[in-house]
Protein backbone atom coordinates (compact mmCIF):
# COMPACT_ATOMS: atom_id res chain seq x y z
CA MET A 1 69.84 88.54 104.78
CA ASN A 2 70.41 88.84 108.52
CA LYS A 3 72.23 91.84 109.89
CA LEU A 4 75.82 91.25 110.92
CA LYS A 5 75.97 91.10 114.74
CA ILE A 6 78.92 93.01 116.15
CA LEU A 7 80.34 93.08 119.67
CA ILE A 8 82.15 96.26 120.72
CA VAL A 9 84.89 95.92 123.33
CA GLU A 10 85.76 99.47 124.36
CA ASP A 11 86.12 100.90 127.86
CA GLU A 12 85.58 104.53 126.85
CA LEU A 13 81.78 104.58 126.87
CA VAL A 14 81.49 107.79 124.83
CA ILE A 15 83.58 106.19 122.07
CA ALA A 16 81.63 102.92 122.37
CA GLU A 17 78.27 104.66 122.06
CA ASP A 18 79.48 106.72 119.09
CA LEU A 19 80.73 103.53 117.44
CA ARG A 20 77.40 101.79 118.16
CA GLU A 21 75.53 104.64 116.48
CA THR A 22 77.82 104.55 113.45
CA LEU A 23 77.50 100.78 113.10
CA GLU A 24 73.72 100.91 113.34
CA GLU A 25 73.58 103.68 110.72
CA LEU A 26 75.66 101.41 108.48
CA GLY A 27 73.07 98.64 108.90
CA TYR A 28 74.85 96.42 111.43
CA GLU A 29 73.39 95.13 114.70
CA VAL A 30 75.39 95.85 117.85
CA CYS A 31 74.76 92.91 120.16
CA GLY A 32 76.64 94.37 123.11
CA ILE A 33 79.32 96.64 124.53
CA ALA A 34 81.93 95.27 126.92
CA ILE A 35 84.50 97.27 128.88
CA SER A 36 86.65 94.30 129.95
CA SER A 37 87.76 90.93 128.63
CA ARG A 38 85.56 89.17 131.22
CA GLU A 39 82.47 91.05 129.99
CA ALA A 40 83.46 90.44 126.38
CA LEU A 41 83.76 86.67 126.86
CA ALA A 42 80.39 86.56 128.64
CA LEU A 43 78.77 88.45 125.76
CA ILE A 44 80.41 86.17 123.18
CA GLU A 45 78.88 83.17 124.97
CA GLU A 46 75.48 84.83 125.37
CA LYS A 47 75.04 86.72 122.08
CA SER A 48 77.18 84.75 119.55
CA PRO A 49 78.38 87.80 117.59
CA ASP A 50 79.60 87.48 114.00
CA LEU A 51 82.49 89.92 114.57
CA ALA A 52 84.18 91.67 117.49
CA LEU A 53 85.74 95.13 117.48
CA LEU A 54 88.47 95.06 120.14
CA ASP A 55 90.15 98.07 121.68
CA ILE A 56 93.64 97.21 122.90
CA GLN A 57 93.51 99.25 126.13
CA ILE A 58 90.53 97.95 128.12
CA LYS A 59 89.69 97.65 131.79
CA GLY A 60 90.42 94.51 133.78
CA GLY A 61 93.40 92.21 133.87
CA LYS A 62 93.74 91.43 130.17
CA ASP A 63 94.22 93.88 127.33
CA GLY A 64 92.56 93.53 123.94
CA ILE A 65 95.44 91.54 122.48
CA GLU A 66 95.30 89.01 125.30
CA LEU A 67 91.53 88.84 124.80
CA ALA A 68 92.09 88.23 121.08
CA ALA A 69 94.40 85.30 121.89
CA GLU A 70 91.66 83.78 124.05
CA ILE A 71 89.08 84.33 121.30
CA ASN A 72 91.37 82.55 118.83
CA GLU A 73 91.81 79.64 121.21
CA ASN A 74 88.18 79.14 122.21
CA TYR A 75 85.84 80.74 119.66
CA HIS A 76 85.19 80.81 115.92
CA LEU A 77 85.04 84.61 115.75
CA PRO A 78 86.84 87.15 113.57
CA PHE A 79 87.90 90.44 115.13
CA LEU A 80 89.30 93.85 114.25
CA MET A 81 91.64 95.74 116.55
CA LEU A 82 90.57 99.36 117.20
CA THR A 83 93.20 101.44 118.96
CA SER A 84 94.98 104.73 119.27
CA HIS A 85 98.27 102.82 119.52
CA ALA A 86 100.17 102.69 116.24
CA ASP A 87 103.67 102.08 117.65
CA ILE A 88 105.63 99.16 116.23
CA GLN A 89 105.67 97.21 119.52
CA THR A 90 101.87 97.24 119.76
CA ILE A 91 101.48 96.39 116.07
CA ASN A 92 103.89 93.47 116.44
CA ARG A 93 101.96 92.17 119.46
CA ALA A 94 98.72 92.49 117.49
CA LYS A 95 100.17 90.59 114.53
CA GLU A 96 100.71 87.59 116.81
CA VAL A 97 96.93 87.13 117.25
CA ASN A 98 96.09 87.50 113.53
CA PRO A 99 93.41 90.19 113.55
CA TYR A 100 91.32 90.61 110.41
CA GLY A 101 92.06 94.33 110.55
CA TYR A 102 93.67 97.13 112.57
CA LEU A 103 92.04 100.55 112.67
CA VAL A 104 93.83 103.47 114.31
CA LYS A 105 91.68 106.01 116.17
CA PRO A 106 90.30 108.37 115.22
CA PHE A 107 88.66 106.56 112.32
CA ASN A 108 85.68 107.53 110.21
CA GLU A 109 82.56 105.78 108.98
CA LYS A 110 84.12 104.78 105.64
CA GLU A 111 87.15 103.23 107.35
CA ILE A 112 84.89 101.26 109.71
CA LEU A 113 82.74 100.03 106.82
CA ALA A 114 85.76 99.01 104.74
CA GLY A 115 87.44 97.32 107.70
CA ILE A 116 84.37 95.28 108.62
CA GLU A 117 83.51 94.26 105.08
CA LEU A 118 87.09 93.21 104.28
CA ALA A 119 87.39 91.36 107.58
CA MET A 120 84.23 89.36 106.94
CA ALA A 121 85.20 88.61 103.33
CA ASN A 122 88.67 87.43 104.39
CA PHE A 123 87.23 85.38 107.25
CA GLY A 124 84.83 83.70 104.84
CA LYS A 125 87.67 82.91 102.42
CA ALA A 126 89.77 81.47 105.23
CA GLN A 127 86.89 79.23 106.32
CA ASN A 128 86.42 78.00 102.73
CA ARG A 129 90.14 77.18 102.46
CA LYS A 130 89.94 75.16 105.68
CA LYS A 131 86.91 73.25 104.38
CA ARG A 132 88.69 72.47 101.08
CA ARG A 133 91.78 71.24 102.94
CA ARG A 134 89.65 69.02 105.18
CA SER A 135 87.79 67.56 102.20
CA ARG A 136 91.08 66.82 100.40
CA THR A 137 92.53 65.08 103.45
CA GLY A 138 89.33 63.17 104.22
CA PHE A 139 88.69 64.75 107.59
CA CYS A 140 85.18 65.70 108.60
CA THR A 141 84.21 68.77 110.56
């Protein structure tokens, strides 16, 4: 089975490198690190990740939630929000883009593993539901 390819979107490079190391120790492939939404979108196009880990506070004009909205609109890619922000306003904004998970920093290896595995399982189930609905209505993909 191929390794899951993960894109990290995090503008704190020490955190991003630590996360890369943790993910690789867990058996995942990190296909890139982006510090802005522009870099993230370029890496999505170039590397076709299976999952993105999005920090909310990133460099550039768009934050991670705005990036997530663009990912939802233009790409077939599940994502987890990774943030130090656990206030209700940020959580409510994040809920609008339907992340497959929300991890509050600091998180540990077990939380990352559980978040990724649940996100991918739920994404797979959602895709199967869509396929079943299409087959019942006679639409092709």
